[in-house]
Amino acid sequence: MTEAASNFEGLLREALAPVEPPEDLVERLESTLTSITELAADELEAWELSAMRDPRNWVRPAAALMLGSAAGAGLVVLRARRRAQSSTGGLEGAREAAERAVRELSRETRRLLGER
C-alpha cells in the first residue's frame, strides 16, 4: 500500500510541476490583441450609418465594438504589467506605470478620434 501511495504522490508531483511559459508568449499575445483591435476598428470604419435603421445590422458593429474594446483593454493591461515588471520601484513603480499607461491610452484615444 505504501509503495502505491508513494508512486501516486510522485505522479501528482510530476503532473503539478510548474511550467514556464514560452519565451515569445507575450509578443504573440500582444500581436494577436493588436490585430483584433485593428480588425475591429476596420469593421467599425466600414460600417455605414444608414444601416442603423435596421436592428439586424447592429450585430457586426456591436461585436466589433465589444471585441475591440476587450482587446484594447487587454493590451493596456499587458503593457502596464510589462512596465511594472521592468521597473524596480515596487508598489510606487507599479502605480507610476499604471498612471503612464492611462496617459498613453488617453493620448492614443485622442489621436484616433482626431482631437489633439
Protein backbone atom coordinates (compact mmCIF):
# COMPACT_ATOMS: atom_id res chain seq x y z
CA MET A 1 0.00 0.00 0.00
CA THR A 2 2.83 2.45 0.84
CA GLU A 3 4.53 1.75 -2.49
CA ALA A 4 1.33 2.61 -4.37
CA ALA A 5 0.88 5.76 -2.26
CA SER A 6 4.44 6.94 -2.91
CA ASN A 7 4.04 6.17 -6.62
CA PHE A 8 0.79 8.17 -6.62
CA GLU A 9 2.49 11.07 -4.82
CA GLY A 10 5.32 11.02 -7.36
CA LEU A 11 2.84 11.09 -10.22
CA LEU A 12 1.00 14.00 -8.64
CA ARG A 13 4.23 15.92 -8.08
CA GLU A 14 5.21 15.38 -11.71
CA ALA A 15 1.78 16.37 -13.01
CA LEU A 16 1.56 19.51 -10.88
CA ALA A 17 5.10 20.74 -11.51
CA PRO A 18 5.27 24.41 -12.54
CA VAL A 19 5.55 25.01 -16.27
CA GLU A 20 7.41 28.01 -17.68
CA PRO A 21 5.54 29.78 -20.49
CA PRO A 22 7.24 30.06 -23.87
CA GLU A 23 9.67 32.96 -24.29
CA ASP A 24 7.65 34.59 -27.06
CA LEU A 25 4.25 34.27 -25.36
CA VAL A 26 3.98 37.97 -24.51
CA GLU A 27 4.90 39.03 -28.04
CA ARG A 28 2.43 36.58 -29.58
CA LEU A 29 -0.33 37.70 -27.23
CA GLU A 30 0.38 41.36 -27.91
CA SER A 31 0.40 40.87 -31.69
CA THR A 32 -2.87 38.90 -31.52
CA LEU A 33 -4.58 41.57 -29.40
CA THR A 34 -3.26 44.29 -31.72
CA SER A 35 -4.60 42.52 -34.81
CA ILE A 36 -8.01 42.01 -33.15
CA THR A 37 -8.13 45.70 -32.25
CA GLU A 38 -7.20 46.71 -35.81
CA LEU A 39 -9.76 44.34 -37.35
CA ALA A 40 -12.47 45.70 -35.07
CA ALA A 41 -11.53 49.28 -35.97
CA ASP A 42 -11.64 48.40 -39.68
CA GLU A 43 -15.06 46.79 -39.24
CA LEU A 44 -16.41 49.86 -37.45
CA GLU A 45 -14.86 52.16 -40.04
CA ALA A 46 -16.54 50.27 -42.89
CA TRP A 47 -19.92 50.34 -41.19
CA GLU A 48 -22.42 52.66 -42.81
CA LEU A 49 -24.54 54.88 -40.62
CA SER A 50 -27.53 54.42 -42.92
CA ALA A 51 -27.67 50.77 -41.87
CA MET A 52 -28.51 51.84 -38.32
CA ARG A 53 -32.23 51.84 -39.11
CA ASP A 54 -32.42 48.06 -39.28
CA PRO A 55 -31.58 46.35 -35.94
CA ARG A 56 -30.49 43.21 -37.79
CA ASN A 57 -27.45 45.14 -38.98
CA TRP A 58 -26.34 46.02 -35.44
CA VAL A 59 -24.75 42.65 -34.66
CA ARG A 60 -21.45 43.07 -36.51
CA PRO A 61 -20.69 46.60 -35.27
CA ALA A 62 -21.69 45.68 -31.72
CA ALA A 63 -19.46 42.59 -31.81
CA ALA A 64 -16.61 44.63 -33.29
CA LEU A 65 -17.04 47.25 -30.58
CA MET A 66 -17.03 44.69 -27.77
CA LEU A 67 -14.10 42.66 -29.13
CA GLY A 68 -12.08 45.76 -29.96
CA SER A 69 -12.67 47.20 -26.50
CA ALA A 70 -11.73 43.94 -24.79
CA ALA A 71 -8.58 43.54 -26.90
CA GLY A 72 -7.61 47.18 -26.28
CA ALA A 73 -8.09 46.75 -22.54
CA GLY A 74 -6.01 43.58 -22.67
CA LEU A 75 -3.22 45.46 -24.45
CA VAL A 76 -3.25 48.18 -21.81
CA VAL A 77 -3.04 45.63 -19.00
CA LEU A 78 -0.32 43.65 -20.76
CA ARG A 79 1.83 46.70 -21.40
CA ALA A 80 1.30 48.09 -17.89
CA ARG A 81 2.30 44.76 -16.39
CA ARG A 82 5.42 44.59 -18.54
CA ARG A 83 6.44 48.09 -17.45
CA ALA A 84 5.73 47.29 -13.81
CA GLN A 85 7.90 44.18 -14.00
CA SER A 86 10.73 46.03 -15.70
CA SER A 87 10.77 48.81 -13.11
CA THR A 88 12.24 48.08 -9.71
CA GLY A 89 10.21 50.66 -7.81
CA GLY A 90 7.88 48.17 -6.14
CA LEU A 91 4.36 49.39 -5.47
CA GLU A 92 5.23 53.01 -6.25
CA GLY A 93 6.73 51.93 -9.58
CA ALA A 94 3.61 49.95 -10.41
CA ARG A 95 1.43 52.98 -9.63
CA GLU A 96 3.59 55.18 -11.86
CA ALA A 97 3.45 52.59 -14.64
CA ALA A 98 -0.36 52.48 -14.37
CA GLU A 99 -0.57 56.28 -14.48
CA ARG A 100 1.73 56.31 -17.53
CA ALA A 101 -0.44 53.68 -19.23
CA VAL A 102 -3.57 55.76 -18.61
CA ARG A 103 -1.86 58.85 -20.06
CA GLU A 104 -0.76 56.86 -23.12
CA LEU A 105 -4.26 55.43 -23.54
CA SER A 106 -5.72 58.93 -23.35
CA ARG A 107 -3.20 60.25 -25.88
CA GLU A 108 -3.84 57.33 -28.26
CA THR A 109 -7.62 57.73 -27.93
CA ARG A 110 -7.37 61.43 -28.78
CA ARG A 111 -5.15 60.60 -31.76
CA LEU A 112 -7.60 58.01 -33.06
CA LEU A 113 -10.55 60.35 -32.65
CA GLY A 114 -8.75 63.15 -34.45
CA GLU A 115 -8.53 65.51 -31.47
CA ARG A 116 -5.26 66.94 -30.25
